[in-house]
Amino acid sequence: MLRTTNNMYMIYEFCDGGNLEELLHRKRAFTENEALYFFKQIINGYFSLYKRNILHRDLKLQNILLKDGSIKIADFGFCKILSRRNDLTSTIVGSPIYMAPEILKGKPYT
């Protein structure tokens, strides 16, 4: 990640393995070990974002790319840098088909 006074630049690797949605469609299902392998990588990626106060806000199978059997979280177009650890965001962004019904109904957080 590179920063200037006004911008932050995220440099991506070329991921020639497609995305997790495409792989799931090809395989039709993941074994438990495969699912755990990918889930652990996603959690580690999210922990890396958490340490930097970055909120992705659009995690879905299409935004998880594959490179040599490893996953890479992509598409930070809706991401937000939180000013403090317990900061909440009030804007609704992302892909509606992946949102919780409570978010789509506009119900406040409890």
N, C-alpha and C. Protein backbone atom coordinates (compact mmCIF):
# COMPACT_ATOMS: atom_id res chain seq x y z
N MET A 1 0.85 -1.17 0.00
CA MET A 1 0.00 0.00 0.00
C MET A 1 0.90 1.23 0.00
N LEU A 2 0.59 2.15 -0.86
CA LEU A 2 1.33 3.41 -0.96
C LEU A 2 0.40 4.55 -0.59
N ARG A 3 0.94 5.53 0.13
CA ARG A 3 0.13 6.69 0.53
C ARG A 3 0.80 7.97 0.10
N THR A 4 -0.03 8.91 -0.29
CA THR A 4 0.42 10.28 -0.50
C THR A 4 -0.41 11.14 0.44
N THR A 5 -0.26 12.42 0.37
CA THR A 5 -1.01 13.31 1.25
C THR A 5 -2.52 13.13 1.07
N ASN A 6 -2.96 12.98 -0.17
CA ASN A 6 -4.40 12.93 -0.45
C ASN A 6 -4.94 11.57 -0.85
N ASN A 7 -4.08 10.61 -1.12
CA ASN A 7 -4.55 9.33 -1.67
C ASN A 7 -3.84 8.13 -1.04
N MET A 8 -4.50 6.98 -1.19
CA MET A 8 -3.90 5.71 -0.81
C MET A 8 -4.01 4.82 -2.05
N TYR A 9 -2.93 4.13 -2.38
CA TYR A 9 -2.90 3.26 -3.55
C TYR A 9 -2.67 1.83 -3.09
N MET A 10 -3.54 0.94 -3.56
CA MET A 10 -3.39 -0.48 -3.26
C MET A 10 -2.92 -1.15 -4.54
N ILE A 11 -1.80 -1.85 -4.47
CA ILE A 11 -1.22 -2.50 -5.63
C ILE A 11 -1.65 -3.97 -5.61
N TYR A 12 -2.29 -4.40 -6.67
CA TYR A 12 -2.78 -5.77 -6.77
C TYR A 12 -1.81 -6.66 -7.53
N GLU A 13 -1.82 -7.93 -7.20
CA GLU A 13 -1.11 -8.94 -7.98
C GLU A 13 -2.01 -9.37 -9.13
N PHE A 14 -1.41 -9.89 -10.18
CA PHE A 14 -2.19 -10.49 -11.25
C PHE A 14 -2.65 -11.86 -10.77
N CYS A 15 -3.93 -12.05 -10.68
CA CYS A 15 -4.51 -13.31 -10.17
C CYS A 15 -5.16 -14.04 -11.34
N ASP A 16 -4.48 -15.04 -11.85
CA ASP A 16 -4.94 -15.75 -13.04
C ASP A 16 -5.81 -16.96 -12.72
N GLY A 17 -6.17 -17.16 -11.45
CA GLY A 17 -6.97 -18.32 -11.08
C GLY A 17 -8.46 -18.05 -11.01
N GLY A 18 -8.90 -16.89 -11.49
CA GLY A 18 -10.32 -16.57 -11.41
C GLY A 18 -10.71 -16.14 -10.01
N ASN A 19 -12.00 -16.30 -9.70
CA ASN A 19 -12.46 -15.92 -8.37
C ASN A 19 -13.13 -17.12 -7.70
N LEU A 20 -13.48 -16.95 -6.43
CA LEU A 20 -14.03 -18.06 -5.65
C LEU A 20 -15.40 -18.49 -6.18
N GLU A 21 -16.17 -17.58 -6.72
CA GLU A 21 -17.47 -17.96 -7.29
C GLU A 21 -17.30 -18.88 -8.49
N GLU A 22 -16.37 -18.54 -9.37
CA GLU A 22 -16.11 -19.38 -10.54
C GLU A 22 -15.63 -20.77 -10.14
N LEU A 23 -14.74 -20.83 -9.16
CA LEU A 23 -14.24 -22.12 -8.69
C LEU A 23 -15.36 -22.95 -8.08
N LEU A 24 -16.22 -22.32 -7.31
CA LEU A 24 -17.34 -23.04 -6.71
C LEU A 24 -18.29 -23.59 -7.78
N HIS A 25 -18.53 -22.82 -8.82
CA HIS A 25 -19.39 -23.29 -9.91
C HIS A 25 -18.76 -24.48 -10.64
N ARG A 26 -17.44 -24.42 -10.84
CA ARG A 26 -16.75 -25.53 -11.50
C ARG A 26 -16.79 -26.80 -10.66
N LYS A 27 -16.53 -26.65 -9.35
CA LYS A 27 -16.45 -27.82 -8.47
C LYS A 27 -17.82 -28.26 -7.96
N ARG A 28 -18.78 -27.38 -7.99
CA ARG A 28 -20.15 -27.59 -7.47
C ARG A 28 -20.21 -27.58 -5.94
N ALA A 29 -19.14 -27.91 -5.25
CA ALA A 29 -19.10 -27.87 -3.78
C ALA A 29 -17.64 -27.96 -3.34
N PHE A 30 -17.36 -27.40 -2.19
CA PHE A 30 -16.04 -27.53 -1.59
C PHE A 30 -16.11 -28.61 -0.52
N THR A 31 -15.00 -29.32 -0.36
CA THR A 31 -14.92 -30.23 0.78
C THR A 31 -14.78 -29.38 2.04
N GLU A 32 -14.98 -29.99 3.18
CA GLU A 32 -14.82 -29.25 4.43
C GLU A 32 -13.41 -28.70 4.56
N ASN A 33 -12.41 -29.47 4.19
CA ASN A 33 -11.02 -29.00 4.28
C ASN A 33 -10.75 -27.84 3.33
N GLU A 34 -11.31 -27.91 2.12
CA GLU A 34 -11.15 -26.80 1.18
C GLU A 34 -11.81 -25.54 1.72
N ALA A 35 -13.03 -25.67 2.22
CA ALA A 35 -13.75 -24.52 2.76
C ALA A 35 -12.98 -23.90 3.93
N LEU A 36 -12.46 -24.72 4.81
CA LEU A 36 -11.68 -24.21 5.95
C LEU A 36 -10.40 -23.53 5.49
N TYR A 37 -9.77 -24.10 4.48
CA TYR A 37 -8.54 -23.52 3.92
C TYR A 37 -8.81 -22.10 3.41
N PHE A 38 -9.89 -21.94 2.62
CA PHE A 38 -10.23 -20.61 2.09
C PHE A 38 -10.70 -19.68 3.21
N PHE A 39 -11.52 -20.19 4.12
CA PHE A 39 -12.05 -19.36 5.21
C PHE A 39 -10.92 -18.81 6.07
N LYS A 40 -9.94 -19.64 6.38
CA LYS A 40 -8.80 -19.18 7.19
C LYS A 40 -8.06 -18.04 6.49
N GLN A 41 -7.89 -18.16 5.18
CA GLN A 41 -7.22 -17.09 4.44
C GLN A 41 -8.04 -15.81 4.42
N ILE A 42 -9.35 -15.94 4.27
CA ILE A 42 -10.23 -14.76 4.29
C ILE A 42 -10.14 -14.06 5.65
N ILE A 43 -10.20 -14.84 6.73
CA ILE A 43 -10.11 -14.27 8.07
C ILE A 43 -8.76 -13.57 8.26
N ASN A 44 -7.68 -14.19 7.81
CA ASN A 44 -6.36 -13.56 7.93
C ASN A 44 -6.29 -12.27 7.12
N GLY A 45 -6.91 -12.26 5.93
CA GLY A 45 -6.95 -11.04 5.13
C GLY A 45 -7.75 -9.93 5.81
N TYR A 46 -8.87 -10.31 6.39
CA TYR A 46 -9.69 -9.33 7.10
C TYR A 46 -8.98 -8.80 8.35
N PHE A 47 -8.22 -9.66 9.01
CA PHE A 47 -7.47 -9.22 10.19
C PHE A 47 -6.41 -8.19 9.77
N SER A 48 -5.80 -8.40 8.62
CA SER A 48 -4.83 -7.44 8.11
C SER A 48 -5.50 -6.09 7.84
N LEU A 49 -6.71 -6.11 7.27
CA LEU A 49 -7.45 -4.86 7.05
C LEU A 49 -7.84 -4.21 8.38
N TYR A 50 -8.28 -5.03 9.33
CA TYR A 50 -8.69 -4.54 10.65
C TYR A 50 -7.54 -3.80 11.34
N LYS A 51 -6.35 -4.35 11.26
CA LYS A 51 -5.19 -3.71 11.88
C LYS A 51 -4.91 -2.33 11.29
N ARG A 52 -5.35 -2.12 10.06
CA ARG A 52 -5.14 -0.85 9.38
C ARG A 52 -6.40 0.03 9.39
N ASN A 53 -7.42 -0.38 10.16
CA ASN A 53 -8.70 0.34 10.26
C ASN A 53 -9.39 0.50 8.91
N ILE A 54 -9.29 -0.53 8.06
CA ILE A 54 -9.94 -0.50 6.75
C ILE A 54 -11.16 -1.42 6.80
N LEU A 55 -12.29 -0.88 6.38
CA LEU A 55 -13.54 -1.65 6.29
C LEU A 55 -13.83 -1.89 4.82
N HIS A 56 -13.90 -3.14 4.38
CA HIS A 56 -14.06 -3.49 2.96
C HIS A 56 -15.44 -3.14 2.43
N ARG A 57 -16.51 -3.57 3.05
CA ARG A 57 -17.91 -3.28 2.79
C ARG A 57 -18.50 -3.92 1.52
N ASP A 58 -17.79 -4.81 0.87
CA ASP A 58 -18.37 -5.48 -0.30
C ASP A 58 -17.74 -6.86 -0.49
N LEU A 59 -17.59 -7.61 0.58
CA LEU A 59 -17.00 -8.93 0.47
C LEU A 59 -18.03 -9.90 -0.09
N LYS A 60 -17.67 -10.56 -1.17
CA LYS A 60 -18.51 -11.57 -1.81
C LYS A 60 -17.58 -12.47 -2.62
N LEU A 61 -18.10 -13.59 -3.07
CA LEU A 61 -17.27 -14.57 -3.77
C LEU A 61 -16.56 -13.99 -4.99
N GLN A 62 -17.23 -13.08 -5.71
CA GLN A 62 -16.62 -12.47 -6.89
C GLN A 62 -15.43 -11.59 -6.56
N ASN A 63 -15.34 -11.12 -5.32
CA ASN A 63 -14.25 -10.24 -4.90
C ASN A 63 -13.14 -10.98 -4.17
N ILE A 64 -13.16 -12.28 -4.22
CA ILE A 64 -12.09 -13.09 -3.64
C ILE A 64 -11.40 -13.80 -4.81
N LEU A 65 -10.22 -13.31 -5.15
CA LEU A 65 -9.49 -13.82 -6.31
C LEU A 65 -8.55 -14.95 -5.89
N LEU A 66 -8.17 -15.76 -6.88
CA LEU A 66 -7.29 -16.90 -6.63
C LEU A 66 -5.97 -16.74 -7.38
N LYS A 67 -4.89 -17.02 -6.68
CA LYS A 67 -3.56 -17.01 -7.28
C LYS A 67 -2.76 -18.15 -6.68
N ASP A 68 -2.42 -19.12 -7.50
CA ASP A 68 -1.62 -20.27 -7.05
C ASP A 68 -2.20 -20.93 -5.80
N GLY A 69 -3.52 -21.08 -5.76
CA GLY A 69 -4.17 -21.75 -4.64
C GLY A 69 -4.41 -20.89 -3.42
N SER A 70 -3.96 -19.64 -3.45
CA SER A 70 -4.18 -18.72 -2.34
C SER A 70 -5.22 -17.69 -2.74
N ILE A 71 -5.92 -17.15 -1.76
CA ILE A 71 -6.92 -16.13 -2.05
C ILE A 71 -6.36 -14.74 -1.84
N LYS A 72 -6.93 -13.81 -2.57
CA LYS A 72 -6.58 -12.39 -2.48
C LYS A 72 -7.89 -11.61 -2.45
N ILE A 73 -8.09 -10.79 -1.43
CA ILE A 73 -9.29 -9.96 -1.34
C ILE A 73 -9.12 -8.79 -2.29
N ALA A 74 -10.14 -8.56 -3.12
CA ALA A 74 -10.06 -7.52 -4.16
C ALA A 74 -11.25 -6.58 -4.09
N ASP A 75 -11.26 -5.60 -4.95
CA ASP A 75 -12.33 -4.60 -5.13
C ASP A 75 -12.58 -3.79 -3.87
N PHE A 76 -11.74 -2.82 -3.68
CA PHE A 76 -11.85 -1.95 -2.52
C PHE A 76 -12.57 -0.64 -2.86
N GLY A 77 -13.42 -0.69 -3.88
CA GLY A 77 -14.14 0.52 -4.32
C GLY A 77 -15.07 1.09 -3.27
N PHE A 78 -15.62 0.25 -2.39
CA PHE A 78 -16.52 0.73 -1.33
C PHE A 78 -15.83 0.80 0.03
N CYS A 79 -14.54 0.56 0.07
CA CYS A 79 -13.86 0.49 1.38
C CYS A 79 -13.88 1.86 2.07
N LYS A 80 -13.71 1.80 3.36
CA LYS A 80 -13.69 3.03 4.16
C LYS A 80 -12.59 2.88 5.20
N ILE A 81 -11.82 3.94 5.37
CA ILE A 81 -10.83 3.96 6.43
C ILE A 81 -11.50 4.59 7.65
N LEU A 82 -11.55 3.82 8.72
CA LEU A 82 -12.21 4.29 9.93
C LEU A 82 -11.25 5.16 10.73
N SER A 83 -11.78 6.22 11.29
CA SER A 83 -10.92 7.14 12.02
C SER A 83 -10.51 6.60 13.39
N ARG A 84 -11.33 5.71 13.94
CA ARG A 84 -10.98 5.09 15.22
C ARG A 84 -11.57 3.68 15.23
N ARG A 85 -11.08 2.85 16.11
CA ARG A 85 -11.40 1.42 16.13
C ARG A 85 -12.90 1.14 16.25
N ASN A 86 -13.63 1.89 17.06
CA ASN A 86 -15.05 1.61 17.26
C ASN A 86 -15.95 2.49 16.40
N ASP A 87 -15.39 3.10 15.37
CA ASP A 87 -16.15 3.95 14.45
C ASP A 87 -17.17 3.09 13.69
N LEU A 88 -18.35 3.63 13.47
CA LEU A 88 -19.37 2.97 12.65
C LEU A 88 -19.60 3.81 11.41
N THR A 89 -20.02 3.18 10.36
CA THR A 89 -20.34 3.91 9.14
C THR A 89 -21.86 3.93 8.98
N SER A 90 -22.40 4.99 8.45
CA SER A 90 -23.85 5.10 8.34
C SER A 90 -24.35 4.97 6.90
N THR A 91 -23.42 4.91 5.95
CA THR A 91 -23.84 4.76 4.56
C THR A 91 -24.03 3.28 4.22
N ILE A 92 -24.98 3.01 3.36
CA ILE A 92 -25.25 1.63 2.92
C ILE A 92 -24.69 1.47 1.52
N VAL A 93 -23.68 0.61 1.41
CA VAL A 93 -23.05 0.34 0.12
C VAL A 93 -22.88 -1.17 -0.02
N GLY A 94 -22.55 -1.61 -1.21
CA GLY A 94 -22.31 -3.02 -1.43
C GLY A 94 -23.29 -3.60 -2.42
N SER A 95 -23.35 -4.91 -2.45
CA SER A 95 -24.22 -5.64 -3.38
C SER A 95 -25.46 -6.09 -2.64
N PRO A 96 -26.63 -5.58 -3.00
CA PRO A 96 -27.86 -5.88 -2.26
C PRO A 96 -28.16 -7.37 -2.07
N ILE A 97 -27.83 -8.21 -3.05
CA ILE A 97 -28.17 -9.63 -2.87
C ILE A 97 -27.34 -10.31 -1.78
N TYR A 98 -26.28 -9.64 -1.30
CA TYR A 98 -25.46 -10.18 -0.23
C TYR A 98 -25.71 -9.50 1.10
N MET A 99 -26.60 -8.53 1.15
CA MET A 99 -26.85 -7.76 2.38
C MET A 99 -27.88 -8.46 3.27
N ALA A 100 -27.73 -8.23 4.55
CA ALA A 100 -28.71 -8.73 5.51
C ALA A 100 -30.03 -7.99 5.29
N PRO A 101 -31.15 -8.66 5.49
CA PRO A 101 -32.46 -8.00 5.31
C PRO A 101 -32.61 -6.75 6.18
N GLU A 102 -32.03 -6.76 7.37
CA GLU A 102 -32.11 -5.60 8.27
C GLU A 102 -31.48 -4.36 7.64
N ILE A 103 -30.39 -4.57 6.92
CA ILE A 103 -29.72 -3.45 6.26
C ILE A 103 -30.59 -2.90 5.13
N LEU A 104 -31.15 -3.80 4.33
CA LEU A 104 -31.99 -3.37 3.22
C LEU A 104 -33.25 -2.65 3.69
N LYS A 105 -33.76 -3.03 4.85
CA LYS A 105 -34.96 -2.38 5.41
C LYS A 105 -34.63 -1.07 6.09
N GLY A 106 -33.33 -0.77 6.24
CA GLY A 106 -32.92 0.48 6.85
C GLY A 106 -33.05 0.51 8.34
N LYS A 107 -33.10 -0.66 8.98
CA LYS A 107 -33.20 -0.69 10.44
C LYS A 107 -31.85 -0.32 11.06
N PRO A 108 -31.87 0.43 12.12
CA PRO A 108 -30.62 0.83 12.77
C PRO A 108 -29.94 -0.35 13.46
N TYR A 109 -28.65 -0.17 13.67
CA TYR A 109 -27.88 -1.18 14.40
C TYR A 109 -28.33 -1.20 15.85
N THR A 110 -28.34 -2.38 16.44
CA THR A 110 -28.69 -2.49 17.86
C THR A 110 -27.56 -3.09 18.64
